[in-house]
All heavy atoms as atom14 arrays in JSON, in Angstrom:
{
  "sequence": "LPFGATGPRRRETAYDYVIQALCGWMDLTGEPGGPPTKSG",
  "atom14_mask": [
    [1, 1, 1, 1, 1, 1, 1, 1, 0, 0, 0, 0, 0, 0],
    [1, 1, 1, 1, 1, 1, 1, 0, 0, 0, 0, 0, 0, 0],
    [1, 1, 1, 1, 1, 1, 1, 1, 1, 1, 1, 0, 0, 0],
    [1, 1, 1, 1, 0, 0, 0, 0, 0, 0, 0, 0, 0, 0],
    [1, 1, 1, 1, 1, 0, 0, 0, 0, 0, 0, 0, 0, 0],
    [1, 1, 1, 1, 1, 1, 1, 0, 0, 0, 0, 0, 0, 0],
    [1, 1, 1, 1, 0, 0, 0, 0, 0, 0, 0, 0, 0, 0],
    [1, 1, 1, 1, 1, 1, 1, 0, 0, 0, 0, 0, 0, 0],
    [1, 1, 1, 1, 1, 1, 1, 1, 1, 1, 1, 0, 0, 0],
    [1, 1, 1, 1, 1, 1, 1, 1, 1, 1, 1, 0, 0, 0],
    [1, 1, 1, 1, 1, 1, 1, 1, 1, 1, 1, 0, 0, 0],
    [1, 1, 1, 1, 1, 1, 1, 1, 1, 0, 0, 0, 0, 0],
    [1, 1, 1, 1, 1, 1, 1, 0, 0, 0, 0, 0, 0, 0],
    [1, 1, 1, 1, 1, 0, 0, 0, 0, 0, 0, 0, 0, 0],
    [1, 1, 1, 1, 1, 1, 1, 1, 1, 1, 1, 1, 0, 0],
    [1, 1, 1, 1, 1, 1, 1, 1, 0, 0, 0, 0, 0, 0],
    [1, 1, 1, 1, 1, 1, 1, 1, 1, 1, 1, 1, 0, 0],
    [1, 1, 1, 1, 1, 1, 1, 0, 0, 0, 0, 0, 0, 0],
    [1, 1, 1, 1, 1, 1, 1, 1, 0, 0, 0, 0, 0, 0],
    [1, 1, 1, 1, 1, 1, 1, 1, 1, 0, 0, 0, 0, 0],
    [1, 1, 1, 1, 1, 0, 0, 0, 0, 0, 0, 0, 0, 0],
    [1, 1, 1, 1, 1, 1, 1, 1, 0, 0, 0, 0, 0, 0],
    [1, 1, 1, 1, 1, 1, 0, 0, 0, 0, 0, 0, 0, 0],
    [1, 1, 1, 1, 0, 0, 0, 0, 0, 0, 0, 0, 0, 0],
    [1, 1, 1, 1, 1, 1, 1, 1, 1, 1, 1, 1, 1, 1],
    [1, 1, 1, 1, 1, 1, 1, 1, 0, 0, 0, 0, 0, 0],
    [1, 1, 1, 1, 1, 1, 1, 1, 0, 0, 0, 0, 0, 0],
    [1, 1, 1, 1, 1, 1, 1, 1, 0, 0, 0, 0, 0, 0],
    [1, 1, 1, 1, 1, 1, 1, 0, 0, 0, 0, 0, 0, 0],
    [1, 1, 1, 1, 0, 0, 0, 0, 0, 0, 0, 0, 0, 0],
    [1, 1, 1, 1, 1, 1, 1, 1, 1, 0, 0, 0, 0, 0],
    [1, 1, 1, 1, 1, 1, 1, 0, 0, 0, 0, 0, 0, 0],
    [1, 1, 1, 1, 0, 0, 0, 0, 0, 0, 0, 0, 0, 0],
    [1, 1, 1, 1, 0, 0, 0, 0, 0, 0, 0, 0, 0, 0],
    [1, 1, 1, 1, 1, 1, 1, 0, 0, 0, 0, 0, 0, 0],
    [1, 1, 1, 1, 1, 1, 1, 0, 0, 0, 0, 0, 0, 0],
    [1, 1, 1, 1, 1, 1, 1, 0, 0, 0, 0, 0, 0, 0],
    [1, 1, 1, 1, 1, 1, 1, 1, 1, 0, 0, 0, 0, 0],
    [1, 1, 1, 1, 1, 1, 0, 0, 0, 0, 0, 0, 0, 0],
    [1, 1, 1, 1, 0, 0, 0, 0, 0, 0, 0, 0, 0, 0]
  ],
  "atom14_positions": [
    [[-42.22, -32.29, -26.39], [-41.45, -31.7, -25.3], [-40.06, -32.35, -25.25], [-39.93, -33.55, -25.52], [-42.17, -31.91, -23.96], [-43.58, -31.28, -23.84], [-44.24, -31.71, -22.56], [-43.47, -29.76, -23.91], [0.0, 0.0, 0.0], [0.0, 0.0, 0.0], [0.0, 0.0, 0.0], [0.0, 0.0, 0.0], [0.0, 0.0, 0.0], [0.0, 0.0, 0.0]],
    [[-39.04, -31.6, -24.92], [-37.68, -32.16, -24.96], [-37.46, -33.28, -23.95], [-36.71, -34.22, -24.2], [-36.79, -30.95, -24.67], [-37.66, -29.99, -23.95], [-39.02, -30.18, -24.54], [0.0, 0.0, 0.0], [0.0, 0.0, 0.0], [0.0, 0.0, 0.0], [0.0, 0.0, 0.0], [0.0, 0.0, 0.0], [0.0, 0.0, 0.0], [0.0, 0.0, 0.0]],
    [[-38.1, -33.18, -22.77], [-37.88, -34.18, -21.73], [-39.17, -34.88, -21.33], [-39.24, -35.49, -20.26], [-37.25, -33.52, -20.5], [-35.92, -32.88, -20.79], [-35.81, -31.5, -20.88], [-34.79, -33.66, -20.99], [-34.57, -30.91, -21.16], [-33.56, -33.07, -21.27], [-33.45, -31.7, -21.37], [0.0, 0.0, 0.0], [0.0, 0.0, 0.0], [0.0, 0.0, 0.0]],
    [[-40.21, -34.8, -22.18], [-41.45, -35.48, -21.88], [-42.39, -34.67, -21.02], [-42.01, -33.61, -20.47], [0.0, 0.0, 0.0], [0.0, 0.0, 0.0], [0.0, 0.0, 0.0], [0.0, 0.0, 0.0], [0.0, 0.0, 0.0], [0.0, 0.0, 0.0], [0.0, 0.0, 0.0], [0.0, 0.0, 0.0], [0.0, 0.0, 0.0], [0.0, 0.0, 0.0]],
    [[-43.61, -35.13, -20.89], [-44.64, -34.42, -20.13], [-44.59, -34.72, -18.64], [-45.23, -34.04, -17.84], [-46.03, -34.75, -20.68], [0.0, 0.0, 0.0], [0.0, 0.0, 0.0], [0.0, 0.0, 0.0], [0.0, 0.0, 0.0], [0.0, 0.0, 0.0], [0.0, 0.0, 0.0], [0.0, 0.0, 0.0], [0.0, 0.0, 0.0], [0.0, 0.0, 0.0]],
    [[-43.84, -35.76, -18.26], [-43.71, -36.11, -16.84], [-42.23, -36.21, -16.49], [-41.38, -36.26, -17.37], [-44.42, -37.46, -16.56], [-43.82, -38.48, -17.37], [-45.91, -37.37, -16.87], [0.0, 0.0, 0.0], [0.0, 0.0, 0.0], [0.0, 0.0, 0.0], [0.0, 0.0, 0.0], [0.0, 0.0, 0.0], [0.0, 0.0, 0.0], [0.0, 0.0, 0.0]],
    [[-41.93, -36.27, -15.24], [-40.55, -36.4, -14.82], [-40.0, -35.11, -14.24], [-40.61, -34.03, -14.37], [0.0, 0.0, 0.0], [0.0, 0.0, 0.0], [0.0, 0.0, 0.0], [0.0, 0.0, 0.0], [0.0, 0.0, 0.0], [0.0, 0.0, 0.0], [0.0, 0.0, 0.0], [0.0, 0.0, 0.0], [0.0, 0.0, 0.0], [0.0, 0.0, 0.0]],
    [[-38.83, -35.18, -13.6], [-38.28, -33.99, -12.91], [-37.86, -32.86, -13.85], [-37.78, -31.71, -13.43], [-37.07, -34.57, -12.16], [-36.69, -35.8, -12.92], [-37.98, -36.36, -13.44], [0.0, 0.0, 0.0], [0.0, 0.0, 0.0], [0.0, 0.0, 0.0], [0.0, 0.0, 0.0], [0.0, 0.0, 0.0], [0.0, 0.0, 0.0], [0.0, 0.0, 0.0]],
    [[-37.61, -33.17, -15.14], [-37.13, -32.13, -16.06], [-38.21, -31.72, -17.07], [-37.9, -31.14, -18.11], [-35.89, -32.64, -16.8], [-34.8, -33.16, -15.88], [-33.54, -33.51, -16.62], [-32.9, -32.33, -17.18], [-31.72, -32.35, -17.83], [-31.08, -33.52, -17.97], [-31.2, -31.25, -18.31], [0.0, 0.0, 0.0], [0.0, 0.0, 0.0], [0.0, 0.0, 0.0]],
    [[-39.44, -32.01, -16.75], [-40.51, -31.78, -17.73], [-40.71, -30.3, -18.05], [-41.22, -29.97, -19.12], [-41.82, -32.39, -17.21], [-42.34, -31.75, -15.92], [-43.6, -32.47, -15.44], [-44.17, -31.87, -14.24], [-43.75, -32.13, -13.01], [-42.74, -32.99, -12.84], [-44.31, -31.56, -11.97], [0.0, 0.0, 0.0], [0.0, 0.0, 0.0], [0.0, 0.0, 0.0]],
    [[-40.32, -29.4, -17.15], [-40.53, -27.97, -17.37], [-39.32, -27.29, -18.01], [-39.34, -26.09, -18.29], [-40.88, -27.28, -16.06], [-42.15, -27.8, -15.41], [-42.54, -26.97, -14.19], [-43.72, -27.5, -13.54], [-44.98, -27.28, -13.94], [-45.19, -26.51, -14.99], [-45.99, -27.82, -13.29], [0.0, 0.0, 0.0], [0.0, 0.0, 0.0], [0.0, 0.0, 0.0]],
    [[-38.27, -28.06, -18.26], [-37.06, -27.48, -18.84], [-37.19, -27.38, -20.36], [-37.87, -28.19, -20.99], [-35.83, -28.31, -18.47], [-35.53, -28.34, -16.98], [-34.27, -29.12, -16.68], [-33.44, -29.26, -17.61], [-34.12, -29.58, -15.53], [0.0, 0.0, 0.0], [0.0, 0.0, 0.0], [0.0, 0.0, 0.0], [0.0, 0.0, 0.0], [0.0, 0.0, 0.0]],
    [[-36.54, -26.4, -20.92], [-36.49, -26.26, -22.38], [-35.15, -26.77, -22.89], [-34.19, -26.91, -22.13], [-36.67, -24.78, -22.79], [-35.62, -24.0, -22.19], [-38.02, -24.26, -22.34], [0.0, 0.0, 0.0], [0.0, 0.0, 0.0], [0.0, 0.0, 0.0], [0.0, 0.0, 0.0], [0.0, 0.0, 0.0], [0.0, 0.0, 0.0], [0.0, 0.0, 0.0]],
    [[-35.11, -27.03, -24.18], [-33.87, -27.56, -24.78], [-33.86, -27.24, -26.26], [-34.91, -26.97, -26.86], [-33.76, -29.05, -24.55], [0.0, 0.0, 0.0], [0.0, 0.0, 0.0], [0.0, 0.0, 0.0], [0.0, 0.0, 0.0], [0.0, 0.0, 0.0], [0.0, 0.0, 0.0], [0.0, 0.0, 0.0], [0.0, 0.0, 0.0], [0.0, 0.0, 0.0]],
    [[-32.66, -27.28, -26.82], [-32.47, -27.05, -28.25], [-31.79, -28.28, -28.85], [-31.4, -29.21, -28.13], [-31.66, -25.78, -28.5], [-32.32, -24.55, -27.93], [-31.96, -24.07, -26.68], [-33.3, -23.88, -28.66], [-32.58, -22.95, -26.16], [-33.91, -22.75, -28.15], [-33.55, -22.28, -26.89], [-34.16, -21.17, -26.38], [0.0, 0.0, 0.0], [0.0, 0.0, 0.0]],
    [[-31.64, -28.25, -30.14], [-31.08, -29.41, -30.84], [-29.71, -29.78, -30.27], [-29.46, -30.95, -29.96], [-30.98, -29.1, -32.34], [-30.47, -30.29, -33.14], [-29.24, -30.42, -33.28], [-31.31, -31.08, -33.6], [0.0, 0.0, 0.0], [0.0, 0.0, 0.0], [0.0, 0.0, 0.0], [0.0, 0.0, 0.0], [0.0, 0.0, 0.0], [0.0, 0.0, 0.0]],
    [[-28.83, -28.8, -30.09], [-27.47, -29.12, -29.63], [-27.46, -29.61, -28.18], [-26.58, -30.36, -27.78], [-26.55, -27.91, -29.79], [-26.94, -26.69, -28.99], [-26.52, -26.54, -27.68], [-27.71, -25.69, -29.56], [-26.87, -25.42, -26.94], [-28.07, -24.58, -28.84], [-27.65, -24.44, -27.52], [-28.01, -23.34, -26.8], [0.0, 0.0, 0.0], [0.0, 0.0, 0.0]],
    [[-28.46, -29.18, -27.38], [-28.54, -29.67, -26.0], [-28.84, -31.16, -25.97], [-28.21, -31.94, -25.24], [-29.6, -28.88, -25.21], [-29.77, -29.47, -23.8], [-29.23, -27.4, -25.14], [0.0, 0.0, 0.0], [0.0, 0.0, 0.0], [0.0, 0.0, 0.0], [0.0, 0.0, 0.0], [0.0, 0.0, 0.0], [0.0, 0.0, 0.0], [0.0, 0.0, 0.0]],
    [[-29.8, -31.58, -26.78], [-30.14, -33.0, -26.83], [-28.99, -33.81, -27.43], [-28.69, -34.93, -26.98], [-31.42, -33.21, -27.66], [-32.57, -32.38, -27.05], [-31.81, -34.67, -27.7], [-32.89, -32.72, -25.62], [0.0, 0.0, 0.0], [0.0, 0.0, 0.0], [0.0, 0.0, 0.0], [0.0, 0.0, 0.0], [0.0, 0.0, 0.0], [0.0, 0.0, 0.0]],
    [[-28.29, -33.23, -28.42], [-27.13, -33.93, -28.99], [-26.06, -34.14, -27.92], [-25.41, -35.2, -27.87], [-26.54, -33.13, -30.16], [-27.36, -33.17, -31.43], [-26.6, -32.62, -32.62], [-25.38, -32.78, -32.72], [-27.32, -31.97, -33.53], [0.0, 0.0, 0.0], [0.0, 0.0, 0.0], [0.0, 0.0, 0.0], [0.0, 0.0, 0.0], [0.0, 0.0, 0.0]],
    [[-25.87, -33.16, -27.07], [-24.87, -33.29, -26.01], [-25.3, -34.32, -24.97], [-24.5, -35.15, -24.52], [-24.63, -31.93, -25.36], [0.0, 0.0, 0.0], [0.0, 0.0, 0.0], [0.0, 0.0, 0.0], [0.0, 0.0, 0.0], [0.0, 0.0, 0.0], [0.0, 0.0, 0.0], [0.0, 0.0, 0.0], [0.0, 0.0, 0.0], [0.0, 0.0, 0.0]],
    [[-26.57, -34.28, -24.58], [-27.06, -35.18, -23.54], [-27.05, -36.64, -23.99], [-26.8, -37.54, -23.18], [-28.47, -34.77, -23.12], [-28.58, -33.45, -22.34], [-30.05, -33.1, -22.12], [-27.86, -33.57, -21.0], [0.0, 0.0, 0.0], [0.0, 0.0, 0.0], [0.0, 0.0, 0.0], [0.0, 0.0, 0.0], [0.0, 0.0, 0.0], [0.0, 0.0, 0.0]],
    [[-27.34, -36.87, -25.27], [-27.4, -38.25, -25.75], [-26.03, -38.77, -26.18], [-25.9, -39.95, -26.54], [-28.39, -38.39, -26.88], [-27.89, -37.59, -28.42], [0.0, 0.0, 0.0], [0.0, 0.0, 0.0], [0.0, 0.0, 0.0], [0.0, 0.0, 0.0], [0.0, 0.0, 0.0], [0.0, 0.0, 0.0], [0.0, 0.0, 0.0], [0.0, 0.0, 0.0]],
    [[-25.0, -37.91, -26.19], [-23.67, -38.35, -26.53], [-23.32, -38.27, -28.0], [-22.24, -38.7, -28.41], [0.0, 0.0, 0.0], [0.0, 0.0, 0.0], [0.0, 0.0, 0.0], [0.0, 0.0, 0.0], [0.0, 0.0, 0.0], [0.0, 0.0, 0.0], [0.0, 0.0, 0.0], [0.0, 0.0, 0.0], [0.0, 0.0, 0.0], [0.0, 0.0, 0.0]],
    [[-24.21, -37.69, -28.79], [-23.94, -37.61, -30.23], [-22.75, -36.69, -30.53], [-21.98, -36.95, -31.44], [-25.18, -37.1, -30.96], [-25.01, -37.05, -32.45], [-24.7, -35.95, -33.19], [-25.09, -38.13, -33.36], [-24.6, -36.26, -34.5], [-24.84, -37.61, -34.65], [-25.36, -39.49, -33.23], [-24.83, -38.4, -35.79], [-25.37, -40.28, -34.35], [-25.11, -39.75, -35.62]],
    [[-22.58, -35.62, -29.75], [-21.47, -34.69, -29.99], [-20.11, -35.37, -29.82], [-19.12, -34.92, -30.41], [-21.58, -33.49, -29.05], [-22.63, -32.47, -29.42], [-22.51, -31.01, -28.37], [-23.79, -29.99, -29.08], [0.0, 0.0, 0.0], [0.0, 0.0, 0.0], [0.0, 0.0, 0.0], [0.0, 0.0, 0.0], [0.0, 0.0, 0.0], [0.0, 0.0, 0.0]],
    [[-20.08, -36.4, -29.02], [-18.81, -37.1, -28.78], [-18.36, -37.87, -30.02], [-17.2, -38.3, -30.1], [-18.96, -38.03, -27.59], [-17.61, -38.56, -27.11], [-16.69, -37.74, -26.93], [-17.49, -39.78, -26.93], [0.0, 0.0, 0.0], [0.0, 0.0, 0.0], [0.0, 0.0, 0.0], [0.0, 0.0, 0.0], [0.0, 0.0, 0.0], [0.0, 0.0, 0.0]],
    [[-19.27, -38.05, -30.97], [-18.94, -38.82, -32.18], [-18.5, -37.93, -33.32], [-18.13, -38.43, -34.39], [-20.17, -39.65, -32.62], [-20.72, -40.63, -31.59], [-21.97, -41.31, -32.15], [-19.68, -41.65, -31.21], [0.0, 0.0, 0.0], [0.0, 0.0, 0.0], [0.0, 0.0, 0.0], [0.0, 0.0, 0.0], [0.0, 0.0, 0.0], [0.0, 0.0, 0.0]],
    [[-18.56, -36.62, -33.17], [-18.2, -35.69, -34.25], [-17.03, -34.83, -33.83], [-16.59, -34.83, -32.68], [-19.4, -34.8, -34.6], [-19.76, -34.04, -33.45], [-20.59, -35.62, -35.06], [0.0, 0.0, 0.0], [0.0, 0.0, 0.0], [0.0, 0.0, 0.0], [0.0, 0.0, 0.0], [0.0, 0.0, 0.0], [0.0, 0.0, 0.0], [0.0, 0.0, 0.0]],
    [[-16.51, -34.03, -34.76], [-15.39, -33.15, -34.47], [-14.06, -33.77, -34.85], [-13.98, -34.85, -35.44], [0.0, 0.0, 0.0], [0.0, 0.0, 0.0], [0.0, 0.0, 0.0], [0.0, 0.0, 0.0], [0.0, 0.0, 0.0], [0.0, 0.0, 0.0], [0.0, 0.0, 0.0], [0.0, 0.0, 0.0], [0.0, 0.0, 0.0], [0.0, 0.0, 0.0]],
    [[-12.99, -33.04, -34.51], [-11.63, -33.48, -34.82], [-11.15, -34.51, -33.81], [-11.56, -34.47, -32.63], [-10.68, -32.29, -34.83], [-10.98, -31.23, -35.88], [-10.78, -31.76, -37.28], [-9.94, -32.67, -37.45], [-11.46, -31.27, -38.21], [0.0, 0.0, 0.0], [0.0, 0.0, 0.0], [0.0, 0.0, 0.0], [0.0, 0.0, 0.0], [0.0, 0.0, 0.0]],
    [[-10.28, -35.43, -34.23], [-9.72, -36.41, -33.28], [-9.0, -35.69, -32.13], [-8.15, -34.83, -32.35], [-8.76, -37.23, -34.13], [-9.26, -37.08, -35.53], [-9.81, -35.69, -35.6], [0.0, 0.0, 0.0], [0.0, 0.0, 0.0], [0.0, 0.0, 0.0], [0.0, 0.0, 0.0], [0.0, 0.0, 0.0], [0.0, 0.0, 0.0], [0.0, 0.0, 0.0]],
    [[-9.32, -36.04, -30.92], [-8.71, -35.42, -29.75], [-9.29, -34.08, -29.39], [-8.89, -33.47, -28.38], [0.0, 0.0, 0.0], [0.0, 0.0, 0.0], [0.0, 0.0, 0.0], [0.0, 0.0, 0.0], [0.0, 0.0, 0.0], [0.0, 0.0, 0.0], [0.0, 0.0, 0.0], [0.0, 0.0, 0.0], [0.0, 0.0, 0.0], [0.0, 0.0, 0.0]],
    [[-10.22, -33.56, -30.21], [-10.8, -32.25, -29.94], [-12.02, -32.35, -29.06], [-12.44, -33.43, -28.64], [0.0, 0.0, 0.0], [0.0, 0.0, 0.0], [0.0, 0.0, 0.0], [0.0, 0.0, 0.0], [0.0, 0.0, 0.0], [0.0, 0.0, 0.0], [0.0, 0.0, 0.0], [0.0, 0.0, 0.0], [0.0, 0.0, 0.0], [0.0, 0.0, 0.0]],
    [[-12.63, -31.2, -28.76], [-13.83, -31.18, -27.9], [-15.05, -31.71, -28.66], [-15.04, -31.8, -29.89], [-13.99, -29.7, -27.56], [-13.4, -28.99, -28.74], [-12.24, -29.84, -29.2], [0.0, 0.0, 0.0], [0.0, 0.0, 0.0], [0.0, 0.0, 0.0], [0.0, 0.0, 0.0], [0.0, 0.0, 0.0], [0.0, 0.0, 0.0], [0.0, 0.0, 0.0]],
    [[-16.1, -32.09, -27.95], [-17.35, -32.5, -28.61], [-17.87, -31.4, -29.53], [-17.76, -30.21, -29.22], [-18.31, -32.75, -27.44], [-17.41, -33.04, -26.28], [-16.19, -32.19, -26.48], [0.0, 0.0, 0.0], [0.0, 0.0, 0.0], [0.0, 0.0, 0.0], [0.0, 0.0, 0.0], [0.0, 0.0, 0.0], [0.0, 0.0, 0.0], [0.0, 0.0, 0.0]],
    [[-18.4, -31.81, -30.67], [-18.83, -30.85, -31.69], [-20.25, -31.17, -32.13], [-20.61, -32.33, -32.32], [-17.89, -30.89, -32.92], [-16.54, -30.7, -32.48], [-18.27, -29.82, -33.92], [0.0, 0.0, 0.0], [0.0, 0.0, 0.0], [0.0, 0.0, 0.0], [0.0, 0.0, 0.0], [0.0, 0.0, 0.0], [0.0, 0.0, 0.0], [0.0, 0.0, 0.0]],
    [[-21.01, -30.12, -32.31], [-22.38, -30.28, -32.78], [-22.39, -30.78, -34.22], [-21.58, -30.37, -35.04], [-23.13, -28.95, -32.7], [-24.56, -28.99, -33.21], [-25.19, -27.62, -33.14], [-26.61, -27.64, -33.7], [-26.64, -27.98, -35.14], [0.0, 0.0, 0.0], [0.0, 0.0, 0.0], [0.0, 0.0, 0.0], [0.0, 0.0, 0.0], [0.0, 0.0, 0.0]],
    [[-23.3, -31.66, -34.53], [-23.45, -32.17, -35.89], [-23.88, -31.04, -36.82], [-24.59, -30.11, -36.41], [-24.47, -33.31, -35.93], [-24.73, -33.71, -37.25], [0.0, 0.0, 0.0], [0.0, 0.0, 0.0], [0.0, 0.0, 0.0], [0.0, 0.0, 0.0], [0.0, 0.0, 0.0], [0.0, 0.0, 0.0], [0.0, 0.0, 0.0], [0.0, 0.0, 0.0]],
    [[-23.43, -31.13, -38.07], [-23.79, -30.1, -39.03], [-25.27, -30.04, -39.3], [-25.82, -28.96, -39.58], [0.0, 0.0, 0.0], [0.0, 0.0, 0.0], [0.0, 0.0, 0.0], [0.0, 0.0, 0.0], [0.0, 0.0, 0.0], [0.0, 0.0, 0.0], [0.0, 0.0, 0.0], [0.0, 0.0, 0.0], [0.0, 0.0, 0.0], [0.0, 0.0, 0.0]]
  ]
}
């Protein structure tokens, strides 16, 4: 499950890019000064 079996977000769905955004991984990719970008 994307957010675990317990907790307030346990019923929510998520995709790869959603988790990348939530964990801050998108902030490490993309062009300098550009918006957050999904990893290839």
